[in-house]
PDB file of N, CA and C in Angstrom:
ATOM      1  N   MET A   1    -108.825  25.284  98.782  1.00  0.00           N
ATOM      2  CA  MET A   1    -108.300  25.965  97.751  1.00  0.00           C
ATOM      3  C   MET A   1    -106.620  25.408  97.548  1.00  0.00           C
ATOM      4  N   ALA A   2    -106.464  24.925  96.363  1.00  0.00           N
ATOM      5  CA  ALA A   2    -104.740  24.654  96.446  1.00  0.00           C
ATOM      6  C   ALA A   2    -104.073  25.700  96.237  1.00  0.00           C
ATOM      7  N   SER A   3    -102.790  25.757  96.463  1.00  0.00           N
ATOM      8  CA  SER A   3    -101.721  26.542  96.470  1.00  0.00           C
ATOM      9  C   SER A   3    -101.026  26.272  95.032  1.00  0.00           C
ATOM     10  N   PHE A   4    -100.501  27.364  94.390  1.00  0.00           N
ATOM     11  CA  PHE A   4     -99.769  26.852  93.086  1.00  0.00           C
ATOM     12  C   PHE A   4     -98.446  27.622  93.375  1.00  0.00           C
ATOM     13  N   ALA A   5     -97.950  27.870  94.748  1.00  0.00           N
ATOM     14  CA  ALA A   5     -96.501  28.540  95.214  1.00  0.00           C
ATOM     15  C   ALA A   5     -95.423  27.614  94.580  1.00  0.00           C
ATOM     16  N   GLN A   6     -95.449  26.536  94.217  1.00  0.00           N
ATOM     17  CA  GLN A   6     -94.429  25.437  93.631  1.00  0.00           C
ATOM     18  C   GLN A   6     -94.039  26.316  92.186  1.00  0.00           C
ATOM     19  N   PHE A   7     -95.155  26.907  91.323  1.00  0.00           N
ATOM     20  CA  PHE A   7     -94.630  27.708  90.274  1.00  0.00           C
ATOM     21  C   PHE A   7     -93.904  29.009  90.157  1.00  0.00           C
ATOM     22  N   LEU A   8     -93.997  29.572  91.879  1.00  0.00           N
ATOM     23  CA  LEU A   8     -93.334  30.609  91.801  1.00  0.00           C
ATOM     24  C   LEU A   8     -91.879  31.043  91.078  1.00  0.00           C
ATOM     25  N   GLY A   9     -91.884  32.226  90.042  1.00  0.00           N
ATOM     26  CA  GLY A   9     -90.892  32.493  89.485  1.00  0.00           C
ATOM     27  C   GLY A   9     -90.682  31.440  87.977  1.00  0.00           C
ATOM     28  N   ARG A  10     -91.669  30.580  87.896  1.00  0.00           N
ATOM     29  CA  ARG A  10     -91.368  29.941  86.618  1.00  0.00           C
ATOM     30  C   ARG A  10     -92.398  30.296  85.686  1.00  0.00           C
ATOM     31  N   LYS A  11     -91.805  29.795  84.092  1.00  0.00           N
ATOM     32  CA  LYS A  11     -92.665  30.472  83.141  1.00  0.00           C
ATOM     33  C   LYS A  11     -93.733  29.536  83.171  1.00  0.00           C
ATOM     34  N   VAL A  12     -95.121  29.687  83.026  1.00  0.00           N
ATOM     35  CA  VAL A  12     -96.286  28.944  82.882  1.00  0.00           C
ATOM     36  C   VAL A  12     -97.008  29.293  81.759  1.00  0.00           C
ATOM     37  N   THR A  13     -98.121  28.318  81.438  1.00  0.00           N
ATOM     38  CA  THR A  13     -99.295  28.545  80.864  1.00  0.00           C
ATOM     39  C   THR A  13    -100.342  28.264  81.907  1.00  0.00           C
ATOM     40  N   VAL A  14    -101.311  29.145  81.603  1.00  0.00           N
ATOM     41  CA  VAL A  14    -102.683  28.984  82.562  1.00  0.00           C
ATOM     42  C   VAL A  14    -103.654  29.061  81.281  1.00  0.00           C
ATOM     43  N   GLN A  15    -104.812  28.230  81.742  1.00  0.00           N
ATOM     44  CA  GLN A  15    -105.823  28.391  81.224  1.00  0.00           C
ATOM     45  C   GLN A  15    -106.982  28.355  82.104  1.00  0.00           C
ATOM     46  N   TYR A  16    -107.883  29.567  81.904  1.00  0.00           N
ATOM     47  CA  TYR A  16    -108.738  30.320  82.680  1.00  0.00           C
ATOM     48  C   TYR A  16    -110.175  30.686  81.937  1.00  0.00           C
ATOM     49  N   ARG A  17    -111.238  30.526  82.903  1.00  0.00           N
ATOM     50  CA  ARG A  17    -112.368  30.725  82.368  1.00  0.00           C
ATOM     51  C   ARG A  17    -112.635  32.031  82.427  1.00  0.00           C
ATOM     52  N   VAL A  18    -113.657  32.573  81.376  1.00  0.00           N
ATOM     53  CA  VAL A  18    -113.893  34.108  81.690  1.00  0.00           C
ATOM     54  C   VAL A  18    -115.767  33.443  81.109  1.00  0.00           C
ATOM     55  N   GLY A  19    -116.470  33.786  81.846  1.00  0.00           N
ATOM     56  CA  GLY A  19    -118.314  33.183  81.408  1.00  0.00           C
ATOM     57  C   GLY A  19    -117.946  31.944  80.663  1.00  0.00           C
ATOM     58  N   ASP A  20    -118.269  31.428  79.494  1.00  0.00           N
ATOM     59  CA  ASP A  20    -118.199  30.415  78.813  1.00  0.00           C
ATOM     60  C   ASP A  20    -117.238  29.841  78.288  1.00  0.00           C
ATOM     61  N   VAL A  21    -116.028  30.824  78.033  1.00  0.00           N
ATOM     62  CA  VAL A  21    -115.145  30.722  77.421  1.00  0.00           C
ATOM     63  C   VAL A  21    -113.627  30.627  78.061  1.00  0.00           C
ATOM     64  N   LEU A  22    -112.865  29.748  77.517  1.00  0.00           N
ATOM     65  CA  LEU A  22    -111.270  29.208  78.210  1.00  0.00           C
ATOM     66  C   LEU A  22    -110.362  30.180  77.200  1.00  0.00           C
ATOM     67  N   LEU A  23    -109.612  30.710  78.276  1.00  0.00           N
ATOM     68  CA  LEU A  23    -108.790  31.754  77.445  1.00  0.00           C
ATOM     69  C   LEU A  23    -107.435  31.445  78.185  1.00  0.00           C
ATOM     70  N   PRO A  24    -106.383  31.273  77.062  1.00  0.00           N
ATOM     71  CA  PRO A  24    -104.936  31.166  77.453  1.00  0.00           C
ATOM     72  C   PRO A  24    -104.051  32.279  77.877  1.00  0.00           C
ATOM     73  N   ALA A  25    -103.527  32.158  79.288  1.00  0.00           N
ATOM     74  CA  ALA A  25    -102.340  33.088  79.454  1.00  0.00           C
ATOM     75  C   ALA A  25    -100.937  32.641  79.861  1.00  0.00           C
ATOM     76  N   SER A  26     -99.959  33.239  79.383  1.00  0.00           N
ATOM     77  CA  SER A  26     -98.654  32.769  79.526  1.00  0.00           C
ATOM     78  C   SER A  26     -97.793  33.800  80.013  1.00  0.00           C
ATOM     79  N   GLY A  27     -96.926  33.247  80.903  1.00  0.00           N
ATOM     80  CA  GLY A  27     -96.267  34.297  81.751  1.00  0.00           C
ATOM     81  C   GLY A  27     -95.142  33.982  82.549  1.00  0.00           C
ATOM     82  N   THR A  28     -94.731  34.853  83.355  1.00  0.00           N
ATOM     83  CA  THR A  28     -93.612  34.248  84.480  1.00  0.00           C
ATOM     84  C   THR A  28     -94.957  34.323  85.691  1.00  0.00           C
ATOM     85  N   PHE A  29     -94.932  33.369  86.557  1.00  0.00           N
ATOM     86  CA  PHE A  29     -95.543  33.163  87.931  1.00  0.00           C
ATOM     87  C   PHE A  29     -95.061  34.291  88.521  1.00  0.00           C
ATOM     88  N   ALA A  30     -95.706  35.415  88.845  1.00  0.00           N
ATOM     89  CA  ALA A  30     -95.240  36.079  89.877  1.00  0.00           C
ATOM     90  C   ALA A  30     -95.622  36.003  91.314  1.00  0.00           C
ATOM     91  N   ALA A  31     -96.656  35.566  91.658  1.00  0.00           N
ATOM     92  CA  ALA A  31     -97.060  35.873  93.174  1.00  0.00           C
ATOM     93  C   ALA A  31     -98.495  34.790  93.174  1.00  0.00           C
ATOM     94  N   ASP A  32     -98.533  34.381  94.231  1.00  0.00           N
ATOM     95  CA  ASP A  32     -99.712  33.734  94.934  1.00  0.00           C
ATOM     96  C   ASP A  32    -100.230  33.920  96.389  1.00  0.00           C
ATOM     97  N   SER A  33    -101.361  34.859  96.077  1.00  0.00           N
ATOM     98  CA  SER A  33    -102.072  35.504  97.314  1.00  0.00           C
ATOM     99  C   SER A  33    -102.935  34.312  98.360  1.00  0.00           C
ATOM    100  N   GLY A  34    -102.967  33.164  97.704  1.00  0.00           N
ATOM    101  CA  GLY A  34    -103.805  32.298  98.441  1.00  0.00           C
ATOM    102  C   GLY A  34    -105.188  32.233  98.197  1.00  0.00           C
ATOM    103  N   ARG A  35    -105.672  33.150  97.243  1.00  0.00           N
ATOM    104  CA  ARG A  35    -106.917  33.504  96.242  1.00  0.00           C
ATOM    105  C   ARG A  35    -106.750  33.401  95.170  1.00  0.00           C
ATOM    106  N   SER A  36    -105.890  34.301  94.499  1.00  0.00           N
ATOM    107  CA  SER A  36    -105.417  34.279  93.087  1.00  0.00           C
ATOM    108  C   SER A  36    -104.061  33.857  92.784  1.00  0.00           C
ATOM    109  N   ILE A  37    -103.468  34.128  91.448  1.00  0.00           N
ATOM    110  CA  ILE A  37    -102.343  34.122  91.201  1.00  0.00           C
ATOM    111  C   ILE A  37    -102.090  35.325  90.097  1.00  0.00           C
ATOM    112  N   PHE A  38    -100.916  35.684  89.951  1.00  0.00           N
ATOM    113  CA  PHE A  38    -100.326  36.901  89.283  1.00  0.00           C
ATOM    114  C   PHE A  38     -99.388  36.357  88.300  1.00  0.00           C
ATOM    115  N   LEU A  39     -99.679  36.631  87.237  1.00  0.00           N
ATOM    116  CA  LEU A  39     -98.842  36.666  86.226  1.00  0.00           C
ATOM    117  C   LEU A  39     -98.130  37.617  85.712  1.00  0.00           C
ATOM    118  N   GLU A  40     -96.825  37.462  85.125  1.00  0.00           N
ATOM    119  CA  GLU A  40     -96.131  38.716  84.403  1.00  0.00           C
ATOM    120  C   GLU A  40     -95.734  38.323  83.279  1.00  0.00           C
ATOM    121  N   GLN A  41     -95.530  39.655  82.348  1.00  0.00           N
ATOM    122  CA  GLN A  41     -94.939  39.323  80.787  1.00  0.00           C
ATOM    123  C   GLN A  41     -94.194  40.614  80.798  1.00  0.00           C
ATOM    124  N   HIS A  42     -92.828  40.486  80.186  1.00  0.00           N
ATOM    125  CA  HIS A  42     -92.106  41.340  79.996  1.00  0.00           C
ATOM    126  C   HIS A  42     -92.532  41.486  78.358  1.00  0.00           C
ATOM    127  N   VAL A  43     -92.375  42.935  77.946  1.00  0.00           N
ATOM    128  CA  VAL A  43     -92.734  43.223  76.720  1.00  0.00           C
ATOM    129  C   VAL A  43     -91.681  44.531  76.257  1.00  0.00           C
ATOM    130  N   GLU A  44     -91.089  44.496  75.039  1.00  0.00           N
ATOM    131  CA  GLU A  44     -90.177  45.583  74.725  1.00  0.00           C
ATOM    132  C   GLU A  44     -91.035  46.039  73.214  1.00  0.00           C
ATOM    133  N   GLN A  45     -91.297  47.370  73.325  1.00  0.00           N
ATOM    134  CA  GLN A  45     -92.056  48.028  72.259  1.00  0.00           C
ATOM    135  C   GLN A  45     -91.587  49.030  71.778  1.00  0.00           C
ATOM    136  N   ARG A  46     -91.028  49.447  71.003  1.00  0.00           N
ATOM    137  CA  ARG A  46     -90.510  50.900  70.236  1.00  0.00           C
ATOM    138  C   ARG A  46     -89.239  50.983  71.214  1.00  0.00           C
ATOM    139  N   GLY A  47     -88.704  50.054  71.328  1.00  0.00           N
ATOM    140  CA  GLY A  47     -87.336  50.219  72.432  1.00  0.00           C
ATOM    141  C   GLY A  47     -87.572  50.782  73.530  1.00  0.00           C
ATOM    142  N   LYS A  48     -88.867  50.340  74.161  1.00  0.00           N
ATOM    143  CA  LYS A  48     -89.034  50.621  75.591  1.00  0.00           C
ATOM    144  C   LYS A  48     -89.391  49.746  76.134  1.00  0.00           C
ATOM    145  N   ARG A  49     -89.228  49.050  77.269  1.00  0.00           N
ATOM    146  CA  ARG A  49     -89.451  47.879  78.117  1.00  0.00           C
ATOM    147  C   ARG A  49     -90.605  48.104  79.245  1.00  0.00           C
ATOM    148  N   SER A  50     -91.508  47.180  78.881  1.00  0.00           N
ATOM    149  CA  SER A  50     -92.433  47.448  79.993  1.00  0.00           C
ATOM    150  C   SER A  50     -93.086  46.276  80.176  1.00  0.00           C
ATOM    151  N   TYR A  51     -93.830  46.001  81.195  1.00  0.00           N
ATOM    152  CA  TYR A  51     -94.784  44.696  81.477  1.00  0.00           C
ATOM    153  C   TYR A  51     -95.749  44.918  82.014  1.00  0.00           C
ATOM    154  N   PHE A  52     -96.549  43.491  81.703  1.00  0.00           N
ATOM    155  CA  PHE A  52     -97.955  43.377  82.172  1.00  0.00           C
ATOM    156  C   PHE A  52     -98.015  42.486  83.112  1.00  0.00           C
ATOM    157  N   ARG A  53     -99.101  42.681  84.020  1.00  0.00           N
ATOM    158  CA  ARG A  53     -99.084  41.889  85.376  1.00  0.00           C
ATOM    159  C   ARG A  53    -100.844  41.735  85.618  1.00  0.00           C
ATOM    160  N   TRP A  54    -101.024  40.667  85.319  1.00  0.00           N
ATOM    161  CA  TRP A  54    -102.469  40.425  85.884  1.00  0.00           C
ATOM    162  C   TRP A  54    -102.796  39.542  87.098  1.00  0.00           C
ATOM    163  N   GLU A  55    -103.843  39.534  87.449  1.00  0.00           N
ATOM    164  CA  GLU A  55    -104.546  38.691  88.445  1.00  0.00           C
ATOM    165  C   GLU A  55    -105.643  37.640  88.201  1.00  0.00           C
ATOM    166  N   ILE A  56    -105.274  36.475  88.230  1.00  0.00           N
ATOM    167  CA  ILE A  56    -106.466  35.376  88.063  1.00  0.00           C
ATOM    168  C   ILE A  56    -106.641  34.431  88.858  1.00  0.00           C
ATOM    169  N   PRO A  57    -108.117  34.995  89.653  1.00  0.00           N
ATOM    170  CA  PRO A  57    -108.515  34.266  90.894  1.00  0.00           C
ATOM    171  C   PRO A  57    -108.464  32.707  90.745  1.00  0.00           C
ATOM    172  N   TYR A  58    -108.049  31.994  91.795  1.00  0.00           N
ATOM    173  CA  TYR A  58    -108.334  30.428  91.628  1.00  0.00           C
ATOM    174  C   TYR A  58    -109.328  29.825  91.251  1.00  0.00           C
ATOM    175  N   GLN A  59    -110.702  30.363  91.633  1.00  0.00           N
ATOM    176  CA  GLN A  59    -111.626  29.788  91.046  1.00  0.00           C
ATOM    177  C   GLN A  59    -112.106  29.889  89.180  1.00  0.00           C
ATOM    178  N   TYR A  60    -111.318  30.576  88.574  1.00  0.00           N
ATOM    179  CA  TYR A  60    -111.383  30.969  87.279  1.00  0.00           C
ATOM    180  C   TYR A  60    -110.313  29.875  86.705  1.00  0.00           C
ATOM    181  N   ILE A  61    -109.314  29.495  87.453  1.00  0.00           N
ATOM    182  CA  ILE A  61    -108.061  28.448  86.644  1.00  0.00           C
ATOM    183  C   ILE A  61    -109.006  27.393  86.465  1.00  0.00           C
ATOM    184  N   HIS A  62    -108.421  26.962  85.018  1.00  0.00           N
ATOM    185  CA  HIS A  62    -108.902  25.704  84.774  1.00  0.00           C
ATOM    186  C   HIS A  62    -107.839  24.708  84.465  1.00  0.00           C
ATOM    187  N   ARG A  63    -106.487  24.970  84.014  1.00  0.00           N
ATOM    188  CA  ARG A  63    -105.639  24.529  84.040  1.00  0.00           C
ATOM    189  C   ARG A  63    -104.196  25.049  84.417  1.00  0.00           C
ATOM    190  N   ILE A  64    -103.195  24.788  85.026  1.00  0.00           N
ATOM    191  CA  ILE A  64    -101.914  25.608  84.818  1.00  0.00           C
ATOM    192  C   ILE A  64    -100.786  24.555  84.919  1.00  0.00           C
ATOM    193  N   GLU A  65     -99.802  24.606  83.952  1.00  0.00           N
ATOM    194  CA  GLU A  65     -98.728  23.775  83.868  1.00  0.00           C
ATOM    195  C   GLU A  65     -97.401  24.700  83.634  1.00  0.00           C
ATOM    196  N   GLU A  66     -96.235  24.019  83.822  1.00  0.00           N
ATOM    197  CA  GLU A  66     -94.877  24.796  83.528  1.00  0.00           C
ATOM    198  C   GLU A  66     -94.952  24.829  82.068  1.00  0.00           C
ATOM    199  N   ALA A  67     -94.515  25.933  81.483  1.00  0.00           N
ATOM    200  CA  ALA A  67     -94.156  26.111  80.188  1.00  0.00           C
ATOM    201  C   ALA A  67     -92.928  25.597  79.735  1.00  0.00           C
ATOM    202  N   GLU A  68     -92.497  25.026  78.172  1.00  0.00           N
ATOM    203  CA  GLU A  68     -91.253  24.623  78.180  1.00  0.00           C
ATOM    204  C   GLU A  68     -90.732  25.461  77.929  1.00  0.00           C
ATOM    205  N   GLU A  69     -89.348  25.672  78.183  1.00  0.00           N
ATOM    206  CA  GLU A  69     -88.029  26.561  78.160  1.00  0.00           C
ATOM    207  C   GLU A  69     -87.861  26.597  76.892  1.00  0.00           C
ATOM    208  N   ALA A  70     -88.296  27.205  75.604  1.00  0.00           N
ATOM    209  CA  ALA A  70     -87.710  27.025  74.143  1.00  0.00           C
ATOM    210  C   ALA A  70     -86.789  28.338  74.334  1.00  0.00           C
ATOM    211  N   GLU A  71     -85.776  28.005  73.467  1.00  0.00           N
ATOM    212  CA  GLU A  71     -84.486  28.909  72.868  1.00  0.00           C
ATOM    213  C   GLU A  71     -85.697  30.176  72.005  1.00  0.00           C
ATOM    214  N   GLU A  72     -85.514  31.370  72.714  1.00  0.00           N
ATOM    215  CA  GLU A  72     -86.175  32.497  71.661  1.00  0.00           C
ATOM    216  C   GLU A  72     -85.317  32.821  70.585  1.00  0.00           C
ATOM    217  N   THR A  73     -85.641  32.430  69.628  1.00  0.00           N
ATOM    218  CA  THR A  73     -85.097  32.952  68.241  1.00  0.00           C
ATOM    219  C   THR A  73     -85.933  33.500  67.509  1.00  0.00           C
ATOM    220  N   PRO A  74     -85.819  34.976  66.995  1.00  0.00           N
ATOM    221  CA  PRO A  74     -86.907  35.445  66.080  1.00  0.00           C
ATOM    222  C   PRO A  74     -87.099  34.966  64.712  1.00  0.00           C
ATOM    223  N   GLU A  75     -88.384  34.679  64.394  1.00  0.00           N
ATOM    224  CA  GLU A  75     -88.568  34.223  63.243  1.00  0.00           C
ATOM    225  C   GLU A  75     -88.655  35.437  62.072  1.00  0.00           C
ATOM    226  N   PRO A  76     -88.187  35.142  61.173  1.00  0.00           N
ATOM    227  CA  PRO A  76     -88.208  36.248  59.926  1.00  0.00           C
ATOM    228  C   PRO A  76     -89.582  36.261  59.741  1.00  0.00           C
ATOM    229  N   PRO A  77     -90.001  37.501  59.188  1.00  0.00           N
ATOM    230  CA  PRO A  77     -91.351  37.977  58.936  1.00  0.00           C
ATOM    231  C   PRO A  77     -91.603  37.417  57.338  1.00  0.00           C
ATOM    232  N   ALA A  78     -92.992  36.776  57.615  1.00  0.00           N
ATOM    233  CA  ALA A  78     -93.578  35.945  56.679  1.00  0.00           C
ATOM    234  C   ALA A  78     -93.810  36.958  55.271  1.00  0.00           C
ATOM    235  N   THR A  79     -93.406  36.370  54.324  1.00  0.00           N
ATOM    236  CA  THR A  79     -93.306  37.198  52.919  1.00  0.00           C
ATOM    237  C   THR A  79     -94.469  37.030  52.346  1.00  0.00           C
ATOM    238  N   PRO A  80     -94.876  38.302  52.134  1.00  0.00           N
ATOM    239  CA  PRO A  80     -96.203  37.993  51.293  1.00  0.00           C
ATOM    240  C   PRO A  80     -96.151  37.342  49.952  1.00  0.00           C
ATOM    241  N   LYS A  81     -97.081  36.588  49.417  1.00  0.00           N
ATOM    242  CA  LYS A  81     -97.153  35.965  48.056  1.00  0.00           C
ATOM    243  C   LYS A  81     -97.221  37.069  46.982  1.00  0.00           C
ATOM    244  N   ILE A  82     -96.459  36.777  46.017  1.00  0.00           N
ATOM    245  CA  ILE A  82     -96.614  37.972  45.174  1.00  0.00           C
ATOM    246  C   ILE A  82     -96.959  37.270  44.147  1.00  0.00           C
ATOM    247  N   VAL A  83     -98.243  38.034  43.344  1.00  0.00           N
ATOM    248  CA  VAL A  83     -98.840  37.328  42.309  1.00  0.00           C
ATOM    249  C   VAL A  83     -98.263  38.119  41.224  1.00  0.00           C
ATOM    250  N   PRO A  84     -97.875  37.867  39.607  1.00  0.00           N
ATOM    251  CA  PRO A  84     -97.813  38.766  38.897  1.00  0.00           C
ATOM    252  C   PRO A  84     -99.263  39.486  38.386  1.00  0.00           C
ATOM    253  N   VAL A  85     -99.202  40.650  37.674  1.00  0.00           N
ATOM    254  CA  VAL A  85    -100.399  41.670  37.463  1.00  0.00           C
ATOM    255  C   VAL A  85    -100.808  40.724  36.367  1.00  0.00           C
ATOM    256  N   GLU A  86    -100.185  40.355  35.598  1.00  0.00           N
ATOM    257  CA  GLU A  86    -100.595  39.639  34.438  1.00  0.00           C
ATOM    258  C   GLU A  86    -101.661  38.780  34.490  1.00  0.00           C
ATOM    259  N   GLN A  87    -101.341  37.711  35.791  1.00  0.00           N
ATOM    260  CA  GLN A  87    -102.139  36.876  36.155  1.00  0.00           C
ATOM    261  C   GLN A  87    -103.128  36.904  36.841  1.00  0.00           C
ATOM    262  N   GLU A  88    -103.110  37.920  37.554  1.00  0.00           N
ATOM    263  CA  GLU A  88    -104.121  38.784  38.453  1.00  0.00           C
ATOM    264  C   GLU A  88    -105.347  39.360  37.381  1.00  0.00           C
ATOM    265  N   ILE A  89    -104.935  40.068  36.294  1.00  0.00           N
ATOM    266  CA  ILE A  89    -105.776  40.421  35.232  1.00  0.00           C
ATOM    267  C   ILE A  89    -106.324  39.120  34.826  1.00  0.00           C
ATOM    268  N   SER A  90    -105.812  38.054  34.347  1.00  0.00           N
ATOM    269  CA  SER A  90    -106.175  36.983  33.674  1.00  0.00           C
ATOM    270  C   SER A  90    -107.616  36.717  34.554  1.00  0.00           C
ATOM    271  N   GLN A  91    -106.974  36.342  35.536  1.00  0.00           N
ATOM    272  CA  GLN A  91    -107.982  35.895  36.667  1.00  0.00           C
ATOM    273  C   GLN A  91    -109.415  36.554  36.913  1.00  0.00           C
ATOM    274  N   ALA A  92    -109.045  37.856  36.919  1.00  0.00           N
ATOM    275  CA  ALA A  92    -110.368  38.934  37.166  1.00  0.00           C
ATOM    276  C   ALA A  92    -111.025  38.717  35.908  1.00  0.00           C
ATOM    277  N   SER A  93    -110.552  38.576  34.571  1.00  0.00           N
ATOM    278  CA  SER A  93    -111.518  38.837  33.279  1.00  0.00           C
ATOM    279  C   SER A  93    -112.187  37.531  33.215  1.00  0.00           C
ATOM    280  N   ALA A  94    -111.221  36.279  33.778  1.00  0.00           N
ATOM    281  CA  ALA A  94    -111.968  35.417  33.603  1.00  0.00           C
ATOM    282  C   ALA A  94    -113.269  35.045  34.584  1.00  0.00           C
ATOM    283  N   ALA A  95    -113.148  35.654  35.853  1.00  0.00           N
ATOM    284  CA  ALA A  95    -114.046  35.791  36.666  1.00  0.00           C
ATOM    285  C   ALA A  95    -115.341  36.530  36.362  1.00  0.00           C
ATOM    286  N   SER A  96    -115.037  37.576  35.644  1.00  0.00           N
ATOM    287  CA  SER A  96    -116.130  38.121  35.021  1.00  0.00           C
ATOM    288  C   SER A  96    -116.970  38.106  34.248  1.00  0.00           C
ATOM    289  N   ALA A  97    -116.102  36.828  33.356  1.00  0.00           N
ATOM    290  CA  ALA A  97    -116.522  36.068  32.212  1.00  0.00           C
ATOM    291  C   ALA A  97    -117.497  35.099  32.618  1.00  0.00           C
ATOM    292  N   GLY A  98    -117.621  34.735  33.997  1.00  0.00           N
ATOM    293  CA  GLY A  98    -118.075  33.726  34.707  1.00  0.00           C
ATOM    294  C   GLY A  98    -117.516  32.297  34.239  1.00  0.00           C
ATOM    295  N   HIS A  99    -115.829  32.438  34.213  1.00  0.00           N
ATOM    296  CA  HIS A  99    -115.457  31.323  34.150  1.00  0.00           C
ATOM    297  C   HIS A  99    -114.178  30.690  35.262  1.00  0.00           C
ATOM    298  N   GLY A 100    -114.089  29.647  35.599  1.00  0.00           N
ATOM    299  CA  GLY A 100    -113.232  28.955  36.268  1.00  0.00           C
ATOM    300  C   GLY A 100    -112.927  29.754  37.800  1.00  0.00           C
ATOM    301  N   LEU A 101    -113.441  30.802  38.235  1.00  0.00           N
ATOM    302  CA  LEU A 101    -113.344  31.395  39.602  1.00  0.00           C
ATOM    303  C   LEU A 101    -114.198  31.551  40.098  1.00  0.00           C
ATOM    304  N   ALA A 102    -115.700  31.027  39.469  1.00  0.00           N
ATOM    305  CA  ALA A 102    -116.888  31.527  40.070  1.00  0.00           C
ATOM    306  C   ALA A 102    -116.879  31.159  41.564  1.00  0.00           C
ATOM    307  N   SER A 103    -116.170  30.024  42.187  1.00  0.00           N
ATOM    308  CA  SER A 103    -116.662  29.615  43.475  1.00  0.00           C
ATOM    309  C   SER A 103    -115.701  30.415  44.631  1.00  0.00           C
ATOM    310  N   SER A 104    -114.985  31.574  44.285  1.00  0.00           N
ATOM    311  CA  SER A 104    -113.988  32.070  45.134  1.00  0.00           C
ATOM    312  C   SER A 104    -114.838  33.143  45.516  1.00  0.00           C
ATOM    313  N   PRO A 105    -114.604  33.780  46.770  1.00  0.00           N
ATOM    314  CA  PRO A 105    -115.061  34.937  47.359  1.00  0.00           C
ATOM    315  C   PRO A 105    -114.876  36.288  46.755  1.00  0.00           C
ATOM    316  N   ALA A 106    -113.454  36.355  46.363  1.00  0.00           N
ATOM    317  CA  ALA A 106    -112.727  37.363  45.697  1.00  0.00           C
ATOM    318  C   ALA A 106    -113.508  37.489  44.222  1.00  0.00           C
ATOM    319  N   ALA A 107    -113.712  36.476  43.602  1.00  0.00           N
ATOM    320  CA  ALA A 107    -114.105  36.376  42.239  1.00  0.00           C
ATOM    321  C   ALA A 107    -115.699  36.751  41.977  1.00  0.00           C
ATOM    322  N   SER A 108    -116.712  36.520  43.082  1.00  0.00           N
ATOM    323  CA  SER A 108    -117.692  37.276  43.070  1.00  0.00           C
ATOM    324  C   SER A 108    -117.867  38.644  42.963  1.00  0.00           C
ATOM    325  N   LEU A 109    -116.952  39.234  43.845  1.00  0.00           N
ATOM    326  CA  LEU A 109    -116.798  40.541  43.993  1.00  0.00           C
ATOM    327  C   LEU A 109    -116.423  41.254  42.798  1.00  0.00           C
ATOM    328  N   LEU A 110    -115.377  40.879  41.945  1.00  0.00           N
ATOM    329  CA  LEU A 110    -115.095  41.147  40.641  1.00  0.00           C
ATOM    330  C   LEU A 110    -116.167  40.750  39.849  1.00  0.00           C
ATOM    331  N   ALA A 111    -116.897  39.985  39.771  1.00  0.00           N
ATOM    332  CA  ALA A 111    -118.073  40.099  38.711  1.00  0.00           C
ATOM    333  C   ALA A 111    -119.133  40.988  38.873  1.00  0.00           C
ATOM    334  N   LEU A 112    -119.248  41.592  39.573  1.00  0.00           N
ATOM    335  CA  LEU A 112    -120.174  42.633  39.530  1.00  0.00           C
ATOM    336  C   LEU A 112    -120.151  43.896  38.889  1.00  0.00           C
ATOM    337  N   PRO A 113    -121.237  44.295  38.030  1.00  0.00           N
ATOM    338  CA  PRO A 113    -121.219  44.936  36.831  1.00  0.00           C
ATOM    339  C   PRO A 113    -120.622  46.391  37.515  1.00  0.00           C
ATOM    340  N   GLN A 114    -119.851  47.216  36.758  1.00  0.00           N
ATOM    341  CA  GLN A 114    -119.482  48.211  37.074  1.00  0.00           C
ATOM    342  C   GLN A 114    -120.736  49.517  36.736  1.00  0.00           C
ATOM    343  N   ARG A 115    -120.960  50.279  37.911  1.00  0.00           N
ATOM    344  CA  ARG A 115    -122.129  51.335  38.088  1.00  0.00           C
ATOM    345  C   ARG A 115    -121.429  52.484  37.162  1.00  0.00           C
ATOM    346  N   PRO A 116    -122.347  53.190  36.281  1.00  0.00           N
ATOM    347  CA  PRO A 116    -121.507  54.416  36.056  1.00  0.00           C
ATOM    348  C   PRO A 116    -121.848  55.718  37.310  1.00  0.00           C
ATOM    349  N   LYS A 117    -120.473  56.296  36.927  1.00  0.00           N
ATOM    350  CA  LYS A 117    -120.974  57.731  37.814  1.00  0.00           C
ATOM    351  C   LYS A 117    -121.629  58.510  37.345  1.00  0.00           C
ATOM    352  N   THR A 118    -122.634  59.148  38.665  1.00  0.00           N
ATOM    353  CA  THR A 118    -123.437  60.118  38.436  1.00  0.00           C
ATOM    354  C   THR A 118    -122.837  61.353  39.021  1.00  0.00           C
ATOM    355  N   VAL A 119    -122.953  62.481  38.287  1.00  0.00           N
ATOM    356  CA  VAL A 119    -122.343  63.761  38.536  1.00  0.00           C
ATOM    357  C   VAL A 119    -123.685  64.289  39.808  1.00  0.00           C
TER     358      VAL A 119
END
């Protein structure tokens, strides 16, 4: 078995096998026992710092490579697309009349007839 001790203390990306699926994992290479490797990832959540540490046995490792050191700049949150209500209503009425938007999944839901309420 190969030793991965040269990655000790570095940020790595590991692709490992679980059944028929290849999964990615990234973090700091924390240890090498000779039979498996240990990755560690620090996380801050709700103001509390914690870390995850997991073990990946050698026989499950598909590929391991050193991760590029990218400068961590937080990305602004994605802004949702705002659609004016008038446009949304006109699209819904066109869909219910069978015009234009019949191919979209949302239009097929809007085209269903309204059931009367039962008491």
